[in-house]
C-alpha cells in the first residue's frame, strides 16, 4: 500500500479541520482562574494629631540679693506632639525678662534676660533639633524654642525652664514677680 499525504496527517485539499476541543476548554479554565484571583481593594486610616503641653510653675523662688542665681527652675512640663513639621514652644514674660517689685526700676527688678529649656526625660521626635540646654533671649517678652522637621513623634518629652541672673546687692526687700505663659504650637 502506498502512503498518501492524508495518511501522514496532512490535509491534501487544504480543508479546514476542526481544532481539538481540549485546548479551548483549557484556555477557558485558565481565563476563569485569572479573574477569580484578582481581588484588590484600597484600605486607609488616619492618626489623630497630638499637640499637648502640660506644665506647672514653681512658686516661692528663693532670692538672695547679694548672690546671683544659676539655673533657677521657673516651670516644668511635658510635651507630646506628632506633627511632621515639629513643634514650637513660646515662653512669654509679662515683664520682658524681669522679676519686678512694684513697678520695677533700679533696686526693684531682677533681670534674667535669657531663659533655658532643659530636657529631663522622655523622647524627642527623630530628626528634631533638641532645644535642651539652649539659652534664648527673652528681653522682647518672648523666647521661642523651635524644633524643625520630625520623622517620628515626640512622646512624653519632659523639660524644665530655667533662668539665671547676676548678683545685685542694691535690691530692696519685698516680693518680686513676673507672669510667665507657655504656648505650644505645631509648625504651620
N, C-alpha and C. Protein backbone atom coordinates (compact mmCIF):
# COMPACT_ATOMS: atom_id res chain seq x y z
N UNK A 1 0.84 -1.17 0.00
CA UNK A 1 0.00 0.00 0.00
C UNK A 1 0.88 1.23 0.00
N UNK A 2 0.47 2.13 -0.79
CA UNK A 2 1.24 3.33 -0.96
C UNK A 2 0.78 4.39 0.04
N UNK A 3 1.75 5.07 0.55
CA UNK A 3 1.44 6.12 1.53
C UNK A 3 0.96 7.38 0.83
N UNK A 4 -0.06 7.95 1.39
CA UNK A 4 -0.53 9.23 0.87
C UNK A 4 -0.35 10.26 1.95
N UNK A 5 -0.45 11.49 1.52
CA UNK A 5 -0.28 12.57 2.48
C UNK A 5 -1.39 12.56 3.52
N UNK A 6 -2.54 12.09 3.15
CA UNK A 6 -3.63 12.07 4.12
C UNK A 6 -3.36 11.07 5.23
N UNK A 7 -2.55 10.06 4.94
CA UNK A 7 -2.21 9.11 5.98
C UNK A 7 -1.15 9.65 6.95
N UNK A 8 -0.48 10.70 6.54
CA UNK A 8 0.58 11.25 7.40
C UNK A 8 0.11 12.44 8.21
N UNK A 9 -1.14 12.80 8.17
CA UNK A 9 -1.67 13.90 8.95
C UNK A 9 -1.74 15.21 8.22
N UNK A 10 -1.42 15.22 6.94
CA UNK A 10 -1.51 16.47 6.17
C UNK A 10 -2.88 16.57 5.55
N UNK A 11 -3.29 17.73 5.18
CA UNK A 11 -4.58 17.97 4.56
C UNK A 11 -4.35 18.29 3.10
N UNK A 12 -4.54 17.29 2.18
CA UNK A 12 -4.22 17.50 0.77
C UNK A 12 -5.14 18.49 0.10
N UNK A 13 -6.33 18.70 0.57
CA UNK A 13 -7.27 19.59 -0.10
C UNK A 13 -7.34 20.95 0.60
N UNK A 14 -6.49 21.18 1.54
CA UNK A 14 -6.48 22.42 2.33
C UNK A 14 -7.83 22.70 2.96
N UNK A 15 -8.41 21.66 3.46
CA UNK A 15 -9.69 21.81 4.14
C UNK A 15 -9.44 22.22 5.58
N UNK A 16 -10.36 23.01 6.08
CA UNK A 16 -10.23 23.43 7.47
C UNK A 16 -10.75 22.32 8.35
N UNK A 17 -9.87 21.84 9.15
CA UNK A 17 -10.24 20.77 10.07
C UNK A 17 -10.53 21.37 11.43
N UNK A 18 -11.47 20.79 12.15
CA UNK A 18 -11.75 21.34 13.48
C UNK A 18 -10.56 21.15 14.41
N UNK A 19 -10.32 22.14 15.23
CA UNK A 19 -9.24 22.06 16.20
C UNK A 19 -9.69 21.22 17.37
N UNK A 20 -8.75 20.62 18.01
CA UNK A 20 -9.14 19.80 19.16
C UNK A 20 -9.81 20.66 20.23
N UNK A 21 -10.87 20.16 20.84
CA UNK A 21 -11.66 20.92 21.80
C UNK A 21 -10.98 21.07 23.15
N UNK A 22 -10.08 20.19 23.48
CA UNK A 22 -9.46 20.27 24.81
C UNK A 22 -8.65 21.56 24.96
N UNK A 23 -8.11 22.15 23.91
CA UNK A 23 -7.36 23.40 24.01
C UNK A 23 -8.29 24.55 24.37
N UNK A 24 -9.46 24.60 23.76
CA UNK A 24 -10.42 25.66 24.05
C UNK A 24 -10.87 25.57 25.50
N UNK A 25 -11.13 24.38 25.97
CA UNK A 25 -11.56 24.19 27.35
C UNK A 25 -10.46 24.62 28.31
N UNK A 26 -9.24 24.25 28.00
CA UNK A 26 -8.11 24.61 28.86
C UNK A 26 -7.95 26.12 28.91
N UNK A 27 -8.09 26.83 27.79
CA UNK A 27 -7.97 28.28 27.75
C UNK A 27 -9.08 28.92 28.57
N UNK A 28 -10.29 28.40 28.51
CA UNK A 28 -11.39 28.94 29.30
C UNK A 28 -11.15 28.77 30.79
N UNK A 29 -10.63 27.64 31.19
CA UNK A 29 -10.35 27.39 32.60
C UNK A 29 -9.26 28.34 33.10
N UNK A 30 -8.22 28.55 32.29
CA UNK A 30 -7.14 29.46 32.67
C UNK A 30 -7.66 30.89 32.78
N UNK A 31 -8.49 31.32 31.85
CA UNK A 31 -9.03 32.67 31.89
C UNK A 31 -9.92 32.84 33.11
N UNK A 32 -10.74 31.87 33.40
CA UNK A 32 -11.61 31.94 34.57
C UNK A 32 -10.78 32.00 35.84
N UNK A 33 -9.72 31.24 35.92
CA UNK A 33 -8.84 31.25 37.09
C UNK A 33 -8.18 32.60 37.28
N UNK A 34 -7.83 33.29 36.23
CA UNK A 34 -7.19 34.60 36.32
C UNK A 34 -8.14 35.62 36.93
N UNK A 35 -9.38 35.63 36.52
CA UNK A 35 -10.33 36.61 37.03
C UNK A 35 -10.73 36.35 38.48
N UNK A 36 -10.82 35.12 38.88
CA UNK A 36 -11.24 34.86 40.24
C UNK A 36 -10.14 35.14 41.26
N UNK A 37 -8.87 35.25 40.82
CA UNK A 37 -7.80 35.52 41.77
C UNK A 37 -7.50 37.01 41.91
N UNK A 38 -8.13 37.88 41.13
CA UNK A 38 -7.90 39.31 41.24
C UNK A 38 -8.88 39.92 42.22
N UNK A 39 -8.45 40.07 43.45
CA UNK A 39 -9.25 40.71 44.48
C UNK A 39 -8.42 41.84 45.07
N UNK A 40 -8.55 43.02 44.53
CA UNK A 40 -7.78 44.17 45.01
C UNK A 40 -8.74 45.22 45.55
N UNK A 41 -8.38 45.82 46.66
CA UNK A 41 -9.19 46.89 47.21
C UNK A 41 -8.28 47.80 48.04
N UNK A 42 -8.70 49.04 48.20
CA UNK A 42 -7.91 50.03 48.95
C UNK A 42 -8.40 50.09 50.39
N UNK A 43 -7.46 50.28 51.31
CA UNK A 43 -7.80 50.50 52.72
C UNK A 43 -7.10 51.78 53.16
N UNK A 44 -7.64 52.43 54.16
CA UNK A 44 -7.00 53.64 54.66
C UNK A 44 -7.38 53.84 56.12
N UNK A 45 -6.62 54.67 56.78
CA UNK A 45 -6.88 55.03 58.16
C UNK A 45 -6.19 56.34 58.44
N UNK A 46 -6.45 56.90 59.58
CA UNK A 46 -5.81 58.17 59.92
C UNK A 46 -5.39 58.16 61.38
N UNK A 47 -4.37 58.96 61.67
CA UNK A 47 -3.86 59.12 63.02
C UNK A 47 -4.20 60.53 63.46
N UNK A 48 -4.87 60.66 64.58
CA UNK A 48 -5.24 61.98 65.09
C UNK A 48 -3.99 62.77 65.48
N UNK A 49 -4.02 64.07 65.22
CA UNK A 49 -2.90 64.93 65.58
C UNK A 49 -2.86 65.12 67.09
N UNK A 50 -1.64 65.10 67.61
CA UNK A 50 -1.43 65.31 69.05
C UNK A 50 -0.52 66.52 69.20
N UNK A 51 -0.91 67.45 70.03
CA UNK A 51 -0.12 68.65 70.27
C UNK A 51 -0.47 69.13 71.68
N UNK A 52 0.14 68.50 72.70
CA UNK A 52 -0.23 68.83 74.07
C UNK A 52 0.98 69.31 74.87
N UNK A 53 0.68 70.21 75.79
CA UNK A 53 1.67 70.74 76.73
C UNK A 53 1.02 70.75 78.11
N UNK A 54 1.62 70.03 79.02
CA UNK A 54 1.20 70.06 80.42
C UNK A 54 2.35 70.66 81.20
N UNK A 55 2.08 71.63 82.06
CA UNK A 55 3.17 72.22 82.83
C UNK A 55 2.68 72.74 84.17
N UNK A 56 3.62 72.91 85.04
CA UNK A 56 3.33 73.53 86.34
C UNK A 56 4.45 74.51 86.65
N UNK A 57 4.07 75.60 87.28
CA UNK A 57 5.06 76.63 87.61
C UNK A 57 5.58 76.42 89.03
N UNK A 58 6.73 76.99 89.27
CA UNK A 58 7.34 76.93 90.60
C UNK A 58 7.00 78.23 91.31
N UNK A 59 6.53 78.12 92.52
CA UNK A 59 6.25 79.35 93.28
C UNK A 59 7.24 79.44 94.44
N UNK A 60 7.45 80.65 94.90
CA UNK A 60 8.32 80.84 96.05
C UNK A 60 9.80 80.66 95.75
N UNK A 61 10.27 81.26 94.66
CA UNK A 61 11.70 81.20 94.34
C UNK A 61 12.46 81.94 95.44
N UNK A 62 13.49 81.32 95.94
CA UNK A 62 14.31 81.94 96.99
C UNK A 62 15.35 82.86 96.34
N UNK A 63 15.28 84.15 96.64
CA UNK A 63 16.18 85.13 96.06
C UNK A 63 17.05 85.71 97.17
N UNK A 64 18.36 85.73 96.92
CA UNK A 64 19.30 86.38 97.85
C UNK A 64 19.93 87.51 97.05
N UNK A 65 19.72 88.75 97.49
CA UNK A 65 20.13 89.91 96.69
C UNK A 65 21.62 89.97 96.41
N UNK A 66 22.46 89.62 97.32
CA UNK A 66 23.89 89.72 97.12
C UNK A 66 24.48 88.54 96.37
N UNK A 67 23.66 87.56 96.00
CA UNK A 67 24.14 86.36 95.32
C UNK A 67 23.37 86.17 94.02
N UNK A 68 24.08 85.89 92.96
CA UNK A 68 23.41 85.58 91.69
C UNK A 68 22.74 84.22 91.75
N UNK A 69 21.83 84.00 90.86
CA UNK A 69 21.12 82.72 90.77
C UNK A 69 21.54 82.05 89.46
N UNK A 70 21.80 80.76 89.53
CA UNK A 70 22.13 79.99 88.33
C UNK A 70 21.13 78.86 88.15
N UNK A 71 20.57 78.77 86.96
CA UNK A 71 19.67 77.68 86.59
C UNK A 71 18.50 77.50 87.57
N UNK A 72 17.84 78.59 87.88
CA UNK A 72 16.66 78.56 88.75
C UNK A 72 15.46 78.09 87.93
N UNK A 73 14.76 77.08 88.40
CA UNK A 73 13.63 76.50 87.68
C UNK A 73 12.39 77.36 87.87
N UNK A 74 11.79 77.78 86.73
CA UNK A 74 10.54 78.54 86.75
C UNK A 74 9.33 77.64 86.55
N UNK A 75 9.50 76.60 85.73
CA UNK A 75 8.39 75.71 85.40
C UNK A 75 8.95 74.38 84.93
N UNK A 76 8.12 73.35 85.00
CA UNK A 76 8.46 72.05 84.43
C UNK A 76 7.23 71.57 83.65
N UNK A 77 7.47 70.74 82.66
CA UNK A 77 6.34 70.30 81.85
C UNK A 77 6.65 69.08 81.01
N UNK A 78 5.61 68.69 80.23
CA UNK A 78 5.69 67.53 79.34
C UNK A 78 5.06 67.91 78.01
N UNK A 79 5.75 67.55 76.91
CA UNK A 79 5.27 67.83 75.56
C UNK A 79 5.02 66.51 74.83
N UNK A 80 3.87 66.41 74.16
CA UNK A 80 3.55 65.31 73.26
C UNK A 80 3.11 65.93 71.94
N UNK A 81 3.74 65.50 70.83
CA UNK A 81 3.44 66.10 69.54
C UNK A 81 3.79 65.10 68.44
N UNK A 82 2.88 64.94 67.48
CA UNK A 82 3.16 64.04 66.36
C UNK A 82 3.07 64.73 65.01
N UNK A 83 3.31 66.03 64.98
CA UNK A 83 3.30 66.78 63.73
C UNK A 83 4.61 66.56 62.99
N UNK A 84 4.52 66.26 61.69
CA UNK A 84 5.73 66.08 60.88
C UNK A 84 6.53 67.36 60.78
N UNK A 85 5.88 68.50 60.98
CA UNK A 85 6.57 69.79 60.91
C UNK A 85 7.24 70.15 62.23
N UNK A 86 7.12 69.30 63.25
CA UNK A 86 7.74 69.59 64.55
C UNK A 86 6.86 70.47 65.41
N UNK A 87 7.45 71.10 66.41
CA UNK A 87 6.68 71.94 67.33
C UNK A 87 7.48 73.16 67.76
N UNK A 88 6.77 74.13 68.28
CA UNK A 88 7.36 75.38 68.78
C UNK A 88 6.83 75.58 70.20
N UNK A 89 7.74 75.90 71.12
CA UNK A 89 7.35 76.31 72.47
C UNK A 89 7.72 77.77 72.62
N UNK A 90 6.71 78.60 72.92
CA UNK A 90 6.94 80.02 73.16
C UNK A 90 6.81 80.28 74.65
N UNK A 91 7.79 80.99 75.18
CA UNK A 91 7.79 81.41 76.58
C UNK A 91 7.56 82.92 76.58
N UNK A 92 6.47 83.35 77.20
CA UNK A 92 6.13 84.76 77.21
C UNK A 92 6.30 85.29 78.63
N UNK A 93 7.07 86.38 78.76
CA UNK A 93 7.30 87.04 80.04
C UNK A 93 6.53 88.36 80.05
N UNK A 94 5.63 88.50 81.00
CA UNK A 94 4.84 89.73 81.12
C UNK A 94 5.71 90.95 81.40
N UNK A 95 6.83 90.77 82.08
CA UNK A 95 7.74 91.88 82.42
C UNK A 95 8.99 91.90 81.54
N UNK A 96 8.95 91.21 80.39
CA UNK A 96 10.06 91.18 79.43
C UNK A 96 11.38 90.75 80.07
N UNK A 97 11.34 89.61 80.75
CA UNK A 97 12.56 89.04 81.31
C UNK A 97 13.01 89.64 82.62
N UNK A 98 12.05 90.10 83.43
CA UNK A 98 12.40 90.69 84.73
C UNK A 98 11.40 90.24 85.79
N UNK A 99 11.93 89.97 86.97
CA UNK A 99 11.08 89.86 88.16
C UNK A 99 11.06 91.26 88.75
N UNK A 100 9.88 91.81 88.98
CA UNK A 100 9.81 93.19 89.47
C UNK A 100 9.08 93.28 90.81
N UNK A 101 9.51 94.24 91.59
CA UNK A 101 8.82 94.62 92.83
C UNK A 101 8.09 95.91 92.51
N UNK A 102 6.79 95.93 92.71
CA UNK A 102 6.00 97.11 92.34
C UNK A 102 6.10 97.36 90.85
N UNK A 103 6.44 98.59 90.49
CA UNK A 103 6.54 98.94 89.07
C UNK A 103 7.94 98.74 88.51
N UNK A 104 8.85 98.19 89.31
CA UNK A 104 10.20 97.90 88.83
C UNK A 104 11.10 99.10 88.93
N UNK A 105 12.18 99.06 88.17
CA UNK A 105 13.16 100.15 88.18
C UNK A 105 14.35 99.77 89.05
N UNK A 106 15.34 100.65 89.17
CA UNK A 106 16.54 100.36 89.95
C UNK A 106 16.21 99.92 91.38
N UNK A 107 16.84 98.86 91.83
CA UNK A 107 16.61 98.32 93.17
C UNK A 107 15.32 97.53 93.31
N UNK A 108 14.52 97.50 92.23
CA UNK A 108 13.21 96.85 92.28
C UNK A 108 12.99 95.83 91.16
N UNK A 109 14.06 95.38 90.52
CA UNK A 109 13.89 94.37 89.48
C UNK A 109 15.11 93.46 89.39
N UNK A 110 14.81 92.21 89.06
CA UNK A 110 15.83 91.19 88.84
C UNK A 110 15.75 90.83 87.35
N UNK A 111 16.80 91.13 86.62
CA UNK A 111 16.81 90.90 85.17
C UNK A 111 17.37 89.51 84.88
N UNK A 112 16.57 88.70 84.23
CA UNK A 112 17.02 87.36 83.78
C UNK A 112 16.87 87.29 82.27
N UNK A 113 17.60 88.04 81.55
CA UNK A 113 17.40 88.29 80.12
C UNK A 113 17.33 87.05 79.23
N UNK A 114 17.71 85.88 79.73
CA UNK A 114 17.63 84.64 78.95
C UNK A 114 16.83 83.59 79.70
N UNK A 115 16.22 82.69 78.95
CA UNK A 115 15.54 81.54 79.51
C UNK A 115 16.11 80.30 78.82
N UNK A 116 16.22 79.21 79.56
CA UNK A 116 16.83 77.98 79.03
C UNK A 116 15.86 76.82 79.25
N UNK A 117 15.79 75.94 78.26
CA UNK A 117 14.96 74.74 78.34
C UNK A 117 15.90 73.55 78.56
N UNK A 118 15.62 72.73 79.57
CA UNK A 118 16.45 71.57 79.90
C UNK A 118 15.59 70.32 79.84
N UNK A 119 16.00 69.34 79.03
CA UNK A 119 15.29 68.06 78.95
C UNK A 119 15.56 67.24 80.21
N UNK A 120 14.49 66.67 80.76
CA UNK A 120 14.63 65.81 81.95
C UNK A 120 14.11 64.40 81.70
N UNK A 121 13.80 64.06 80.44
CA UNK A 121 13.35 62.70 80.13
C UNK A 121 12.41 62.68 78.96
N UNK A 122 11.93 61.49 78.62
CA UNK A 122 11.02 61.31 77.50
C UNK A 122 11.76 61.19 76.19
N UNK A 123 11.00 61.25 75.08
CA UNK A 123 11.57 61.03 73.75
C UNK A 123 11.26 62.22 72.85
N UNK A 124 12.31 62.84 72.35
CA UNK A 124 12.17 63.89 71.35
C UNK A 124 12.06 63.20 69.99
N UNK A 125 11.15 63.64 69.14
CA UNK A 125 10.98 63.03 67.82
C UNK A 125 12.27 62.99 67.03
N UNK A 126 12.44 61.93 66.25
CA UNK A 126 13.64 61.77 65.44
C UNK A 126 13.79 62.93 64.46
N UNK A 127 14.97 63.35 64.22
CA UNK A 127 15.42 64.44 63.35
C UNK A 127 15.07 65.84 63.86
N UNK A 128 14.43 65.95 65.02
CA UNK A 128 14.15 67.27 65.59
C UNK A 128 15.42 67.84 66.21
N UNK A 129 15.52 69.16 66.22
CA UNK A 129 16.62 69.84 66.89
C UNK A 129 16.27 69.92 68.37
N UNK A 130 17.12 69.35 69.20
CA UNK A 130 16.85 69.31 70.64
C UNK A 130 17.08 70.70 71.24
N UNK A 131 16.04 71.29 71.84
CA UNK A 131 16.20 72.62 72.43
C UNK A 131 16.85 72.59 73.82
N UNK A 132 17.16 71.42 74.32
CA UNK A 132 17.71 71.30 75.67
C UNK A 132 19.07 71.98 75.78
N UNK A 133 19.20 72.82 76.80
CA UNK A 133 20.46 73.49 77.07
C UNK A 133 20.69 74.77 76.29
N UNK A 134 19.73 75.14 75.45
CA UNK A 134 19.88 76.34 74.62
C UNK A 134 19.28 77.54 75.36
N UNK A 135 20.07 78.62 75.47
CA UNK A 135 19.57 79.88 76.05
C UNK A 135 18.90 80.69 74.96
N UNK A 136 17.75 81.25 75.28
CA UNK A 136 17.04 82.13 74.36
C UNK A 136 16.80 83.47 75.05
N UNK A 137 17.05 84.55 74.32
CA UNK A 137 16.79 85.89 74.85
C UNK A 137 15.30 86.07 75.05
N UNK A 138 14.93 86.72 76.14
CA UNK A 138 13.51 86.98 76.41
C UNK A 138 13.26 88.45 76.69
N UNK A 139 14.23 89.30 76.40
CA UNK A 139 14.10 90.74 76.69
C UNK A 139 12.99 91.41 75.88
N UNK A 140 12.59 90.80 74.75
CA UNK A 140 11.46 91.34 73.99
C UNK A 140 10.13 90.90 74.59
N UNK A 141 10.20 89.96 75.53
CA UNK A 141 8.99 89.42 76.14
C UNK A 141 8.66 88.02 75.68
N UNK A 142 9.30 87.55 74.60
CA UNK A 142 9.02 86.21 74.06
C UNK A 142 10.33 85.50 73.72
N UNK A 143 10.44 84.27 74.16
CA UNK A 143 11.54 83.39 73.76
C UNK A 143 10.92 82.21 73.03
N UNK A 144 11.51 81.80 71.91
CA UNK A 144 10.95 80.73 71.09
C UNK A 144 11.92 79.58 70.96
N UNK A 145 11.41 78.37 71.23
CA UNK A 145 12.17 77.14 71.03
C UNK A 145 11.50 76.39 69.88
N UNK A 146 12.22 76.28 68.74
CA UNK A 146 11.70 75.67 67.52
C UNK A 146 12.50 74.41 67.24
N UNK A 147 11.82 73.32 66.89
CA UNK A 147 12.49 72.03 66.75
C UNK A 147 12.77 71.59 65.33
N UNK A 148 12.13 72.15 64.34
CA UNK A 148 12.35 71.72 62.95
C UNK A 148 11.45 70.55 62.56
N UNK A 149 11.86 69.81 61.54
CA UNK A 149 11.06 68.74 60.92
C UNK A 149 11.27 67.41 61.65
N UNK A 150 10.17 66.67 61.86
CA UNK A 150 10.22 65.38 62.58
C UNK A 150 9.96 64.21 61.64
N UNK A 151 10.59 63.07 61.96
CA UNK A 151 10.25 61.83 61.26
C UNK A 151 9.57 60.84 62.20
N UNK A 152 9.57 61.13 63.51
CA UNK A 152 8.78 60.37 64.48
C UNK A 152 8.23 61.35 65.51
N UNK A 153 7.27 60.90 66.29
CA UNK A 153 6.59 61.76 67.26
C UNK A 153 7.45 62.03 68.50
N UNK A 154 7.17 63.17 69.12
CA UNK A 154 7.74 63.50 70.43
C UNK A 154 6.79 62.90 71.47
N UNK A 155 7.33 62.08 72.37
CA UNK A 155 6.49 61.37 73.34
C UNK A 155 6.99 61.63 74.75
N UNK A 156 6.13 62.22 75.57
CA UNK A 156 6.43 62.49 76.97
C UNK A 156 7.80 63.16 77.16
N UNK A 157 8.06 64.18 76.34
CA UNK A 157 9.32 64.94 76.45
C UNK A 157 9.19 65.86 77.67
N UNK A 158 9.90 65.53 78.72
CA UNK A 158 9.85 66.29 79.97
C UNK A 158 10.94 67.36 79.96
N UNK A 159 10.62 68.52 80.51
CA UNK A 159 11.57 69.62 80.50
C UNK A 159 11.40 70.52 81.71
N UNK A 160 12.42 71.34 81.93
CA UNK A 160 12.36 72.43 82.90
C UNK A 160 12.73 73.71 82.17
N UNK A 161 12.10 74.82 82.57
CA UNK A 161 12.52 76.13 82.11
C UNK A 161 13.32 76.76 83.23
N UNK A 162 14.52 77.22 82.89
CA UNK A 162 15.42 77.77 83.90
C UNK A 162 15.86 79.18 83.51
N UNK A 163 16.14 79.98 84.53
CA UNK A 163 16.69 81.32 84.33
C UNK A 163 17.86 81.52 85.27
N UNK A 164 18.70 82.47 84.95
CA UNK A 164 19.83 82.85 85.80
C UNK A 164 19.91 84.36 85.82
N UNK A 165 20.47 84.91 86.89
CA UNK A 165 20.69 86.35 86.95
C UNK A 165 21.90 86.65 87.82
N UNK A 166 22.53 87.79 87.58
CA UNK A 166 23.72 88.15 88.35
C UNK A 166 23.34 88.68 89.74
N UNK A 167 24.32 88.74 90.62
CA UNK A 167 24.11 89.30 91.96
C UNK A 167 23.79 90.79 91.84
N UNK A 168 22.90 91.27 92.70
CA UNK A 168 22.57 92.69 92.75
C UNK A 168 22.29 93.08 94.20
N UNK A 169 23.31 93.56 94.90
CA UNK A 169 23.12 93.91 96.32
C UNK A 169 22.26 95.15 96.53
N UNK A 170 21.87 95.85 95.45
CA UNK A 170 21.05 97.06 95.60
C UNK A 170 19.55 96.77 95.67
N UNK A 171 19.16 95.52 95.55
CA UNK A 171 17.73 95.18 95.55
C UNK A 171 17.10 95.47 96.91
N UNK A 172 15.90 96.05 96.86
CA UNK A 172 15.13 96.31 98.07
C UNK A 172 14.36 95.06 98.47
N UNK A 173 14.06 94.94 99.75
CA UNK A 173 13.29 93.80 100.23
C UNK A 173 11.86 93.83 99.70
N UNK A 174 11.26 92.68 99.54
CA UNK A 174 9.88 92.59 99.08
C UNK A 174 9.69 91.42 98.14
N UNK A 175 8.51 91.34 97.57
CA UNK A 175 8.16 90.26 96.66
C UNK A 175 8.34 90.72 95.22
N UNK A 176 9.04 89.91 94.45
CA UNK A 176 9.33 90.18 93.04
C UNK A 176 8.54 89.18 92.19
N UNK A 177 7.87 89.68 91.17
CA UNK A 177 7.01 88.80 90.37
C UNK A 177 7.19 89.03 88.87
N UNK A 178 6.77 88.05 88.12
CA UNK A 178 6.62 88.11 86.66
C UNK A 178 5.53 87.11 86.31
N UNK A 179 4.87 87.30 85.21
CA UNK A 179 3.88 86.34 84.72
C UNK A 179 4.47 85.65 83.51
N UNK A 180 4.61 84.33 83.62
CA UNK A 180 5.16 83.51 82.54
C UNK A 180 4.02 82.71 81.92
N UNK A 181 3.93 82.75 80.60
CA UNK A 181 2.94 81.97 79.86
C UNK A 181 3.68 81.08 78.87
N UNK A 182 3.30 79.80 78.83
CA UNK A 182 3.89 78.87 77.87
C UNK A 182 2.84 78.56 76.81
N UNK A 183 3.26 78.68 75.55
CA UNK A 183 2.37 78.40 74.42
C UNK A 183 3.03 77.35 73.54
N UNK A 184 2.29 76.31 73.24
CA UNK A 184 2.81 75.22 72.40
C UNK A 184 2.02 75.22 71.11
N UNK A 185 2.73 75.15 69.98
CA UNK A 185 2.04 75.17 68.69
C UNK A 185 2.77 74.29 67.70
N UNK A 186 2.00 73.62 66.81
CA UNK A 186 2.67 72.91 65.72
C UNK A 186 3.17 73.95 64.72
N UNK A 187 4.13 73.60 63.93
CA UNK A 187 4.65 74.49 62.92
C UNK A 187 3.69 74.46 61.73
N UNK A 188 3.32 75.61 61.22
CA UNK A 188 2.39 75.67 60.07
C UNK A 188 3.12 75.50 58.78
